[in-house]
Amino acid sequence: MTPNQKSGDHTSLPERTVEGCGPESGCRLEAILSVDERGQVLLPKDVRQKAGIAPGDKLALIGWERDGSICCLALLKADELNGIVESILGPKLRGDETA
């Protein structure tokens, strides 16, 4: 954190991309976030608005491991996660799809 940066400050990065992630993939770096001394992270207002995240919404934290450590984290709205799981597992559970 820079000396003039307050906890919770973020830097918007409108068009920067991460390897394998960019406008053509629908994935982009939205902001750089700081973790405060209590381990909390503030989601910037513009990101919350764009994602439709409101006070009281539940978010699922998804992690990917590589070599025994978590290398990537993603947040999904919990109700959307339910829909994703249903769309993948539902047909299999109903026997609509062959394994």
PDB file of N, CA and C in Angstrom:
ATOM      1  N   MET A   1       0.857  -1.171   0.000  1.00  0.00           N
ATOM      2  CA  MET A   1       0.000   0.000   0.000  1.00  0.00           C
ATOM      3  C   MET A   1       0.903   1.233   0.000  1.00  0.00           C
ATOM      4  N   THR A   2       0.576   2.225  -0.809  1.00  0.00           N
ATOM      5  CA  THR A   2       1.372   3.443  -0.854  1.00  0.00           C
ATOM      6  C   THR A   2       1.059   4.290   0.364  1.00  0.00           C
ATOM      7  N   PRO A   3       1.957   5.199   0.764  1.00  0.00           N
ATOM      8  CA  PRO A   3       1.731   6.010   1.973  1.00  0.00           C
ATOM      9  C   PRO A   3       0.430   6.804   1.943  1.00  0.00           C
ATOM     10  N   ASN A   4      -0.007   7.269   0.772  1.00  0.00           N
ATOM     11  CA  ASN A   4      -1.221   8.081   0.688  1.00  0.00           C
ATOM     12  C   ASN A   4      -2.475   7.253   0.444  1.00  0.00           C
ATOM     13  N   GLN A   5      -2.309   5.952   0.324  1.00  0.00           N
ATOM     14  CA  GLN A   5      -3.448   5.086   0.032  1.00  0.00           C
ATOM     15  C   GLN A   5      -4.093   4.621   1.329  1.00  0.00           C
ATOM     16  N   LYS A   6      -5.408   4.799   1.429  1.00  0.00           N
ATOM     17  CA  LYS A   6      -6.158   4.352   2.590  1.00  0.00           C
ATOM     18  C   LYS A   6      -6.584   2.914   2.399  1.00  0.00           C
ATOM     19  N   SER A   7      -6.799   2.211   3.507  1.00  0.00           N
ATOM     20  CA  SER A   7      -7.312   0.849   3.438  1.00  0.00           C
ATOM     21  C   SER A   7      -8.618   0.858   2.664  1.00  0.00           C
ATOM     22  N   GLY A   8      -8.764  -0.073   1.738  1.00  0.00           N
ATOM     23  CA  GLY A   8      -9.986  -0.140   0.939  1.00  0.00           C
ATOM     24  C   GLY A   8      -9.875   0.606  -0.375  1.00  0.00           C
ATOM     25  N   ASP A   9      -8.794   1.413  -0.543  1.00  0.00           N
ATOM     26  CA  ASP A   9      -8.606   2.088  -1.824  1.00  0.00           C
ATOM     27  C   ASP A   9      -8.356   1.039  -2.891  1.00  0.00           C
ATOM     28  N   HIS A  10      -8.719   1.360  -4.104  1.00  0.00           N
ATOM     29  CA  HIS A  10      -8.452   0.458  -5.211  1.00  0.00           C
ATOM     30  C   HIS A  10      -8.048   1.259  -6.420  1.00  0.00           C
ATOM     31  N   THR A  11      -7.461   0.581  -7.355  1.00  0.00           N
ATOM     32  CA  THR A  11      -7.072   1.192  -8.608  1.00  0.00           C
ATOM     33  C   THR A  11      -7.865   0.526  -9.710  1.00  0.00           C
ATOM     34  N   SER A  12      -8.691   1.284 -10.428  1.00  0.00           N
ATOM     35  CA  SER A  12      -9.429   0.727 -11.557  1.00  0.00           C
ATOM     36  C   SER A  12      -8.474   0.563 -12.721  1.00  0.00           C
ATOM     37  N   LEU A  13      -8.612  -0.565 -13.411  1.00  0.00           N
ATOM     38  CA  LEU A  13      -7.765  -0.843 -14.554  1.00  0.00           C
ATOM     39  C   LEU A  13      -8.674  -1.173 -15.730  1.00  0.00           C
ATOM     40  N   PRO A  14      -9.195  -0.147 -16.403  1.00  0.00           N
ATOM     41  CA  PRO A  14     -10.253  -0.343 -17.382  1.00  0.00           C
ATOM     42  C   PRO A  14      -9.964  -1.329 -18.503  1.00  0.00           C
ATOM     43  N   GLU A  15      -8.799  -1.304 -19.099  1.00  0.00           N
ATOM     44  CA  GLU A  15      -8.589  -2.163 -20.259  1.00  0.00           C
ATOM     45  C   GLU A  15      -7.372  -3.073 -20.127  1.00  0.00           C
ATOM     46  N   ARG A  16      -6.808  -3.228 -18.950  1.00  0.00           N
ATOM     47  CA  ARG A  16      -5.669  -4.120 -18.793  1.00  0.00           C
ATOM     48  C   ARG A  16      -6.144  -5.553 -18.724  1.00  0.00           C
ATOM     49  N   THR A  17      -5.322  -6.452 -19.231  1.00  0.00           N
ATOM     50  CA  THR A  17      -5.713  -7.854 -19.236  1.00  0.00           C
ATOM     51  C   THR A  17      -4.682  -8.692 -18.487  1.00  0.00           C
ATOM     52  N   VAL A  18      -5.105  -9.875 -18.098  1.00  0.00           N
ATOM     53  CA  VAL A  18      -4.260 -10.861 -17.446  1.00  0.00           C
ATOM     54  C   VAL A  18      -4.061 -11.977 -18.448  1.00  0.00           C
ATOM     55  N   GLU A  19      -2.927 -12.676 -18.376  1.00  0.00           N
ATOM     56  CA  GLU A  19      -2.659 -13.757 -19.313  1.00  0.00           C
ATOM     57  C   GLU A  19      -3.850 -14.700 -19.426  1.00  0.00           C
ATOM     58  N   GLY A  20      -4.309 -14.929 -20.642  1.00  0.00           N
ATOM     59  CA  GLY A  20      -5.449 -15.802 -20.877  1.00  0.00           C
ATOM     60  C   GLY A  20      -6.782 -15.149 -20.556  1.00  0.00           C
ATOM     61  N   CYS A  21      -6.761 -13.886 -20.256  1.00  0.00           N
ATOM     62  CA  CYS A  21      -7.960 -13.172 -19.832  1.00  0.00           C
ATOM     63  C   CYS A  21      -7.983 -11.827 -20.555  1.00  0.00           C
ATOM     64  N   GLY A  22      -9.037 -11.547 -21.253  1.00  0.00           N
ATOM     65  CA  GLY A  22      -9.121 -10.281 -21.959  1.00  0.00           C
ATOM     66  C   GLY A  22     -10.497 -10.078 -22.549  1.00  0.00           C
ATOM     67  N   PRO A  23     -10.711  -8.954 -23.221  1.00  0.00           N
ATOM     68  CA  PRO A  23     -12.033  -8.639 -23.758  1.00  0.00           C
ATOM     69  C   PRO A  23     -12.608  -9.744 -24.640  1.00  0.00           C
ATOM     70  N   GLU A  24     -11.745 -10.406 -25.427  1.00  0.00           N
ATOM     71  CA  GLU A  24     -12.241 -11.463 -26.310  1.00  0.00           C
ATOM     72  C   GLU A  24     -12.723 -12.681 -25.523  1.00  0.00           C
ATOM     73  N   SER A  25     -12.237 -12.882 -24.297  1.00  0.00           N
ATOM     74  CA  SER A  25     -12.657 -14.024 -23.487  1.00  0.00           C
ATOM     75  C   SER A  25     -13.795 -13.652 -22.536  1.00  0.00           C
ATOM     76  N   GLY A  26     -14.116 -12.367 -22.464  1.00  0.00           N
ATOM     77  CA  GLY A  26     -15.143 -11.910 -21.519  1.00  0.00           C
ATOM     78  C   GLY A  26     -14.593 -11.720 -20.118  1.00  0.00           C
ATOM     79  N   CYS A  27     -13.307 -11.903 -19.953  1.00  0.00           N
ATOM     80  CA  CYS A  27     -12.649 -11.816 -18.652  1.00  0.00           C
ATOM     81  C   CYS A  27     -11.696 -10.627 -18.679  1.00  0.00           C
ATOM     82  N   ARG A  28     -11.697  -9.833 -17.589  1.00  0.00           N
ATOM     83  CA  ARG A  28     -10.745  -8.728 -17.512  1.00  0.00           C
ATOM     84  C   ARG A  28     -10.480  -8.374 -16.058  1.00  0.00           C
ATOM     85  N   LEU A  29      -9.378  -7.727 -15.832  1.00  0.00           N
ATOM     86  CA  LEU A  29      -9.004  -7.283 -14.493  1.00  0.00           C
ATOM     87  C   LEU A  29      -9.815  -6.038 -14.169  1.00  0.00           C
ATOM     88  N   GLU A  30     -10.657  -6.106 -13.150  1.00  0.00           N
ATOM     89  CA  GLU A  30     -11.532  -4.985 -12.793  1.00  0.00           C
ATOM     90  C   GLU A  30     -10.863  -3.980 -11.864  1.00  0.00           C
ATOM     91  N   ALA A  31     -10.068  -4.456 -10.916  1.00  0.00           N
ATOM     92  CA  ALA A  31      -9.449  -3.550  -9.947  1.00  0.00           C
ATOM     93  C   ALA A  31      -8.369  -4.289  -9.170  1.00  0.00           C
ATOM     94  N   ILE A  32      -7.467  -3.534  -8.574  1.00  0.00           N
ATOM     95  CA  ILE A  32      -6.499  -4.066  -7.622  1.00  0.00           C
ATOM     96  C   ILE A  32      -7.027  -3.682  -6.247  1.00  0.00           C
ATOM     97  N   LEU A  33      -7.200  -4.662  -5.378  1.00  0.00           N
ATOM     98  CA  LEU A  33      -7.783  -4.425  -4.058  1.00  0.00           C
ATOM     99  C   LEU A  33      -6.732  -4.585  -2.972  1.00  0.00           C
ATOM    100  N   SER A  34      -6.930  -3.906  -1.869  1.00  0.00           N
ATOM    101  CA  SER A  34      -6.063  -4.044  -0.705  1.00  0.00           C
ATOM    102  C   SER A  34      -6.795  -4.828   0.376  1.00  0.00           C
ATOM    103  N   VAL A  35      -6.050  -5.643   1.098  1.00  0.00           N
ATOM    104  CA  VAL A  35      -6.587  -6.368   2.245  1.00  0.00           C
ATOM    105  C   VAL A  35      -6.201  -5.569   3.482  1.00  0.00           C
ATOM    106  N   ASP A  36      -7.201  -5.249   4.333  1.00  0.00           N
ATOM    107  CA  ASP A  36      -6.885  -4.465   5.529  1.00  0.00           C
ATOM    108  C   ASP A  36      -6.364  -5.367   6.643  1.00  0.00           C
ATOM    109  N   GLU A  37      -6.035  -4.778   7.767  1.00  0.00           N
ATOM    110  CA  GLU A  37      -5.445  -5.518   8.883  1.00  0.00           C
ATOM    111  C   GLU A  37      -6.371  -6.587   9.456  1.00  0.00           C
ATOM    112  N   ARG A  38      -7.668  -6.488   9.202  1.00  0.00           N
ATOM    113  CA  ARG A  38      -8.624  -7.511   9.665  1.00  0.00           C
ATOM    114  C   ARG A  38      -8.883  -8.569   8.602  1.00  0.00           C
ATOM    115  N   GLY A  39      -8.190  -8.474   7.456  1.00  0.00           N
ATOM    116  CA  GLY A  39      -8.360  -9.443   6.384  1.00  0.00           C
ATOM    117  C   GLY A  39      -9.544  -9.144   5.488  1.00  0.00           C
ATOM    118  N   GLN A  40     -10.088  -7.942   5.583  1.00  0.00           N
ATOM    119  CA  GLN A  40     -11.255  -7.588   4.786  1.00  0.00           C
ATOM    120  C   GLN A  40     -10.857  -6.868   3.507  1.00  0.00           C
ATOM    121  N   VAL A  41     -11.701  -7.032   2.496  1.00  0.00           N
ATOM    122  CA  VAL A  41     -11.489  -6.412   1.191  1.00  0.00           C
ATOM    123  C   VAL A  41     -12.745  -5.626   0.845  1.00  0.00           C
ATOM    124  N   LEU A  42     -12.574  -4.436   0.321  1.00  0.00           N
ATOM    125  CA  LEU A  42     -13.700  -3.610  -0.110  1.00  0.00           C
ATOM    126  C   LEU A  42     -13.867  -3.748  -1.616  1.00  0.00           C
ATOM    127  N   LEU A  43     -15.072  -4.157  -2.037  1.00  0.00           N
ATOM    128  CA  LEU A  43     -15.365  -4.188  -3.465  1.00  0.00           C
ATOM    129  C   LEU A  43     -15.751  -2.773  -3.891  1.00  0.00           C
ATOM    130  N   PRO A  44     -15.081  -2.218  -4.894  1.00  0.00           N
ATOM    131  CA  PRO A  44     -15.376  -0.853  -5.325  1.00  0.00           C
ATOM    132  C   PRO A  44     -16.832  -0.705  -5.776  1.00  0.00           C
ATOM    133  N   LYS A  45     -17.380   0.482  -5.545  1.00  0.00           N
ATOM    134  CA  LYS A  45     -18.772   0.766  -5.866  1.00  0.00           C
ATOM    135  C   LYS A  45     -19.080   0.488  -7.335  1.00  0.00           C
ATOM    136  N   ASP A  46     -18.199   0.923  -8.243  1.00  0.00           N
ATOM    137  CA  ASP A  46     -18.466   0.711  -9.661  1.00  0.00           C
ATOM    138  C   ASP A  46     -18.502  -0.780 -10.014  1.00  0.00           C
ATOM    139  N   VAL A  47     -17.686  -1.576  -9.361  1.00  0.00           N
ATOM    140  CA  VAL A  47     -17.691  -3.023  -9.604  1.00  0.00           C
ATOM    141  C   VAL A  47     -18.960  -3.644  -9.026  1.00  0.00           C
ATOM    142  N   ARG A  48     -19.350  -3.235  -7.800  1.00  0.00           N
ATOM    143  CA  ARG A  48     -20.594  -3.751  -7.198  1.00  0.00           C
ATOM    144  C   ARG A  48     -21.793  -3.419  -8.078  1.00  0.00           C
ATOM    145  N   GLN A  49     -21.857  -2.194  -8.588  1.00  0.00           N
ATOM    146  CA  GLN A  49     -22.974  -1.795  -9.441  1.00  0.00           C
ATOM    147  C   GLN A  49     -23.000  -2.602 -10.729  1.00  0.00           C
ATOM    148  N   LYS A  50     -21.855  -2.737 -11.368  1.00  0.00           N
ATOM    149  CA  LYS A  50     -21.755  -3.472 -12.620  1.00  0.00           C
ATOM    150  C   LYS A  50     -22.134  -4.942 -12.433  1.00  0.00           C
ATOM    151  N   ALA A  51     -21.779  -5.520 -11.265  1.00  0.00           N
ATOM    152  CA  ALA A  51     -22.075  -6.927 -10.974  1.00  0.00           C
ATOM    153  C   ALA A  51     -23.455  -7.123 -10.351  1.00  0.00           C
ATOM    154  N   GLY A  52     -24.135  -6.030 -10.039  1.00  0.00           N
ATOM    155  CA  GLY A  52     -25.451  -6.141  -9.418  1.00  0.00           C
ATOM    156  C   GLY A  52     -25.397  -6.689  -8.006  1.00  0.00           C
ATOM    157  N   ILE A  53     -24.336  -6.353  -7.276  1.00  0.00           N
ATOM    158  CA  ILE A  53     -24.169  -6.819  -5.896  1.00  0.00           C
ATOM    159  C   ILE A  53     -24.723  -5.766  -4.950  1.00  0.00           C
ATOM    160  N   ALA A  54     -25.661  -6.186  -4.112  1.00  0.00           N
ATOM    161  CA  ALA A  54     -26.326  -5.279  -3.173  1.00  0.00           C
ATOM    162  C   ALA A  54     -26.044  -5.740  -1.746  1.00  0.00           C
ATOM    163  N   PRO A  55     -26.216  -4.823  -0.767  1.00  0.00           N
ATOM    164  CA  PRO A  55     -26.034  -5.219   0.633  1.00  0.00           C
ATOM    165  C   PRO A  55     -26.897  -6.434   0.963  1.00  0.00           C
ATOM    166  N   GLY A  56     -26.310  -7.392   1.655  1.00  0.00           N
ATOM    167  CA  GLY A  56     -27.025  -8.596   2.035  1.00  0.00           C
ATOM    168  C   GLY A  56     -26.901  -9.742   1.040  1.00  0.00           C
ATOM    169  N   ASP A  57     -26.408  -9.471  -0.180  1.00  0.00           N
ATOM    170  CA  ASP A  57     -26.213 -10.539  -1.158  1.00  0.00           C
ATOM    171  C   ASP A  57     -25.161 -11.516  -0.635  1.00  0.00           C
ATOM    172  N   LYS A  58     -25.323 -12.776  -0.973  1.00  0.00           N
ATOM    173  CA  LYS A  58     -24.360 -13.811  -0.611  1.00  0.00           C
ATOM    174  C   LYS A  58     -23.456 -14.058  -1.808  1.00  0.00           C
ATOM    175  N   LEU A  59     -22.158 -14.149  -1.543  1.00  0.00           N
ATOM    176  CA  LEU A  59     -21.185 -14.419  -2.593  1.00  0.00           C
ATOM    177  C   LEU A  59     -20.475 -15.734  -2.293  1.00  0.00           C
ATOM    178  N   ALA A  60     -20.228 -16.512  -3.323  1.00  0.00           N
ATOM    179  CA  ALA A  60     -19.460 -17.748  -3.196  1.00  0.00           C
ATOM    180  C   ALA A  60     -18.024 -17.443  -3.605  1.00  0.00           C
ATOM    181  N   LEU A  61     -17.077 -17.850  -2.778  1.00  0.00           N
ATOM    182  CA  LEU A  61     -15.658 -17.666  -3.068  1.00  0.00           C
ATOM    183  C   LEU A  61     -15.132 -18.989  -3.623  1.00  0.00           C
ATOM    184  N   ILE A  62     -14.682 -18.953  -4.862  1.00  0.00           N
ATOM    185  CA  ILE A  62     -14.187 -20.135  -5.547  1.00  0.00           C
ATOM    186  C   ILE A  62     -12.670 -20.023  -5.649  1.00  0.00           C
ATOM    187  N   GLY A  63     -11.965 -21.085  -5.315  1.00  0.00           N
ATOM    188  CA  GLY A  63     -10.506 -21.085  -5.387  1.00  0.00           C
ATOM    189  C   GLY A  63      -9.989 -22.202  -6.269  1.00  0.00           C
ATOM    190  N   TRP A  64      -8.894 -21.949  -6.953  1.00  0.00           N
ATOM    191  CA  TRP A  64      -8.208 -22.942  -7.763  1.00  0.00           C
ATOM    192  C   TRP A  64      -6.842 -23.179  -7.139  1.00  0.00           C
ATOM    193  N   GLU A  65      -6.477 -24.448  -7.012  1.00  0.00           N
ATOM    194  CA  GLU A  65      -5.183 -24.796  -6.430  1.00  0.00           C
ATOM    195  C   GLU A  65      -4.197 -25.208  -7.511  1.00  0.00           C
ATOM    196  N   ARG A  66      -2.952 -24.856  -7.249  1.00  0.00           N
ATOM    197  CA  ARG A  66      -1.836 -25.307  -8.076  1.00  0.00           C
ATOM    198  C   ARG A  66      -0.679 -25.573  -7.130  1.00  0.00           C
ATOM    199  N   ASP A  67      -0.103 -26.749  -7.216  1.00  0.00           N
ATOM    200  CA  ASP A  67       1.038 -27.130  -6.379  1.00  0.00           C
ATOM    201  C   ASP A  67       0.756 -26.948  -4.894  1.00  0.00           C
ATOM    202  N   GLY A  68      -0.472 -27.267  -4.452  1.00  0.00           N
ATOM    203  CA  GLY A  68      -0.820 -27.226  -3.039  1.00  0.00           C
ATOM    204  C   GLY A  68      -1.179 -25.869  -2.480  1.00  0.00           C
ATOM    205  N   SER A  69      -1.173 -24.831  -3.311  1.00  0.00           N
ATOM    206  CA  SER A  69      -1.538 -23.481  -2.857  1.00  0.00           C
ATOM    207  C   SER A  69      -2.648 -22.926  -3.736  1.00  0.00           C
ATOM    208  N   ILE A  70      -3.476 -22.098  -3.154  1.00  0.00           N
ATOM    209  CA  ILE A  70      -4.505 -21.430  -3.953  1.00  0.00           C
ATOM    210  C   ILE A  70      -3.825 -20.359  -4.787  1.00  0.00           C
ATOM    211  N   CYS A  71      -4.034 -20.433  -6.107  1.00  0.00           N
ATOM    212  CA  CYS A  71      -3.405 -19.472  -7.010  1.00  0.00           C
ATOM    213  C   CYS A  71      -4.397 -18.458  -7.550  1.00  0.00           C
ATOM    214  N   CYS A  72      -5.681 -18.824  -7.605  1.00  0.00           N
ATOM    215  CA  CYS A  72      -6.692 -17.942  -8.178  1.00  0.00           C
ATOM    216  C   CYS A  72      -7.950 -17.981  -7.324  1.00  0.00           C
ATOM    217  N   LEU A  73      -8.598 -16.836  -7.203  1.00  0.00           N
ATOM    218  CA  LEU A  73      -9.862 -16.718  -6.483  1.00  0.00           C
ATOM    219  C   LEU A  73     -10.866 -16.024  -7.382  1.00  0.00           C
ATOM    220  N   ALA A  74     -12.130 -16.411  -7.246  1.00  0.00           N
ATOM    221  CA  ALA A  74     -13.208 -15.758  -7.987  1.00  0.00           C
ATOM    222  C   ALA A  74     -14.412 -15.634  -7.075  1.00  0.00           C
ATOM    223  N   LEU A  75     -15.196 -14.600  -7.262  1.00  0.00           N
ATOM    224  CA  LEU A  75     -16.444 -14.408  -6.532  1.00  0.00           C
ATOM    225  C   LEU A  75     -17.610 -14.584  -7.489  1.00  0.00           C
ATOM    226  N   LEU A  76     -18.611 -15.331  -7.054  1.00  0.00           N
ATOM    227  CA  LEU A  76     -19.848 -15.495  -7.813  1.00  0.00           C
ATOM    228  C   LEU A  76     -21.005 -15.203  -6.886  1.00  0.00           C
ATOM    229  N   LYS A  77     -22.059 -14.591  -7.422  1.00  0.00           N
ATOM    230  CA  LYS A  77     -23.266 -14.440  -6.616  1.00  0.00           C
ATOM    231  C   LYS A  77     -23.790 -15.841  -6.330  1.00  0.00           C
ATOM    232  N   ALA A  78     -24.101 -16.126  -5.071  1.00  0.00           N
ATOM    233  CA  ALA A  78     -24.492 -17.472  -4.660  1.00  0.00           C
ATOM    234  C   ALA A  78     -25.707 -17.971  -5.437  1.00  0.00           C
ATOM    235  N   ASP A  79     -26.676 -17.100  -5.711  1.00  0.00           N
ATOM    236  CA  ASP A  79     -27.856 -17.560  -6.455  1.00  0.00           C
ATOM    237  C   ASP A  79     -27.500 -17.935  -7.891  1.00  0.00           C
ATOM    238  N   GLU A  80     -26.490 -17.302  -8.472  1.00  0.00           N
ATOM    239  CA  GLU A  80     -26.041 -17.677  -9.812  1.00  0.00           C
ATOM    240  C   GLU A  80     -25.279 -18.992  -9.777  1.00  0.00           C
ATOM    241  N   LEU A  81     -24.560 -19.238  -8.698  1.00  0.00           N
ATOM    242  CA  LEU A  81     -23.856 -20.507  -8.547  1.00  0.00           C
ATOM    243  C   LEU A  81     -24.857 -21.653  -8.521  1.00  0.00           C
ATOM    244  N   ASN A  82     -25.974 -21.451  -7.832  1.00  0.00           N
ATOM    245  CA  ASN A  82     -27.024 -22.473  -7.816  1.00  0.00           C
ATOM    246  C   ASN A  82     -27.498 -22.780  -9.232  1.00  0.00           C
ATOM    247  N   GLY A  83     -27.696 -21.742 -10.036  1.00  0.00           N
ATOM    248  CA  GLY A  83     -28.143 -21.923 -11.413  1.00  0.00           C
ATOM    249  C   GLY A  83     -27.111 -22.651 -12.266  1.00  0.00           C
ATOM    250  N   ILE A  84     -25.847 -22.348 -12.058  1.00  0.00           N
ATOM    251  CA  ILE A  84     -24.782 -23.004 -12.813  1.00  0.00           C
ATOM    252  C   ILE A  84     -24.745 -24.494 -12.471  1.00  0.00           C
ATOM    253  N   VAL A  85     -24.795 -24.805 -11.182  1.00  0.00           N
ATOM    254  CA  VAL A  85     -24.774 -26.203 -10.746  1.00  0.00           C
ATOM    255  C   VAL A  85     -25.986 -26.943 -11.304  1.00  0.00           C
ATOM    256  N   GLU A  86     -27.158 -26.322 -11.234  1.00  0.00           N
ATOM    257  CA  GLU A  86     -28.380 -26.953 -11.743  1.00  0.00           C
ATOM    258  C   GLU A  86     -28.274 -27.211 -13.243  1.00  0.00           C
ATOM    259  N   SER A  87     -27.727 -26.254 -13.989  1.00  0.00           N
ATOM    260  CA  SER A  87     -27.638 -26.438 -15.443  1.00  0.00           C
ATOM    261  C   SER A  87     -26.671 -27.559 -15.816  1.00  0.00           C
ATOM    262  N   ILE A  88     -25.662 -27.791 -14.991  1.00  0.00           N
ATOM    263  CA  ILE A  88     -24.694 -28.855 -15.273  1.00  0.00           C
ATOM    264  C   ILE A  88     -25.204 -30.206 -14.768  1.00  0.00           C
ATOM    265  N   LEU A  89     -25.655 -30.242 -13.515  1.00  0.00           N
ATOM    266  CA  LEU A  89     -26.041 -31.511 -12.897  1.00  0.00           C
ATOM    267  C   LEU A  89     -27.483 -31.918 -13.162  1.00  0.00           C
ATOM    268  N   GLY A  90     -28.374 -30.950 -13.334  1.00  0.00           N
ATOM    269  CA  GLY A  90     -29.785 -31.250 -13.509  1.00  0.00           C
ATOM    270  C   GLY A  90     -30.069 -32.277 -14.593  1.00  0.00           C
ATOM    271  N   PRO A  91     -29.580 -32.051 -15.825  1.00  0.00           N
ATOM    272  CA  PRO A  91     -29.846 -33.028 -16.889  1.00  0.00           C
ATOM    273  C   PRO A  91     -29.283 -34.417 -16.568  1.00  0.00           C
ATOM    274  N   LYS A  92     -28.108 -34.468 -15.946  1.00  0.00           N
ATOM    275  CA  LYS A  92     -27.514 -35.762 -15.591  1.00  0.00           C
ATOM    276  C   LYS A  92     -28.361 -36.469 -14.546  1.00  0.00           C
ATOM    277  N   LEU A  93     -28.822 -35.726 -13.551  1.00  0.00           N
ATOM    278  CA  LEU A  93     -29.640 -36.328 -12.488  1.00  0.00           C
ATOM    279  C   LEU A  93     -30.996 -36.786 -13.006  1.00  0.00           C
ATOM    280  N   ARG A  94     -31.510 -36.083 -13.999  1.00  0.00           N
ATOM    281  CA  ARG A  94     -32.812 -36.459 -14.580  1.00  0.00           C
ATOM    282  C   ARG A  94     -32.660 -37.542 -15.636  1.00  0.00           C
ATOM    283  N   GLY A  95     -31.406 -37.885 -16.009  1.00  0.00           N
ATOM    284  CA  GLY A  95     -31.183 -38.892 -17.025  1.00  0.00           C
ATOM    285  C   GLY A  95     -31.356 -38.373 -18.438  1.00  0.00           C
ATOM    286  N   ASP A  96     -31.404 -37.027 -18.587  1.00  0.00           N
ATOM    287  CA  ASP A  96     -31.579 -36.409 -19.909  1.00  0.00           C
ATOM    288  C   ASP A  96     -30.304 -36.456 -20.741  1.00  0.00           C
ATOM    289  N   GLU A  97     -29.173 -36.695 -20.081  1.00  0.00           N
ATOM    290  CA  GLU A  97     -27.898 -36.599 -20.750  1.00  0.00           C
ATOM    291  C   GLU A  97     -27.095 -37.852 -20.443  1.00  0.00           C
ATOM    292  N   THR A  98     -26.381 -38.357 -21.410  1.00  0.00           N
ATOM    293  CA  THR A  98     -25.528 -39.514 -21.147  1.00  0.00           C
ATOM    294  C   THR A  98     -24.191 -39.049 -20.611  1.00  0.00           C
ATOM    295  N   ALA A  99     -23.620 -39.818 -19.701  1.00  0.00           N
ATOM    296  CA  ALA A  99     -22.352 -39.437 -19.059  1.00  0.00           C
ATOM    297  C   ALA A  99     -21.192 -39.573 -19.994  1.00  0.00           C
TER     298      ALA A  99
END
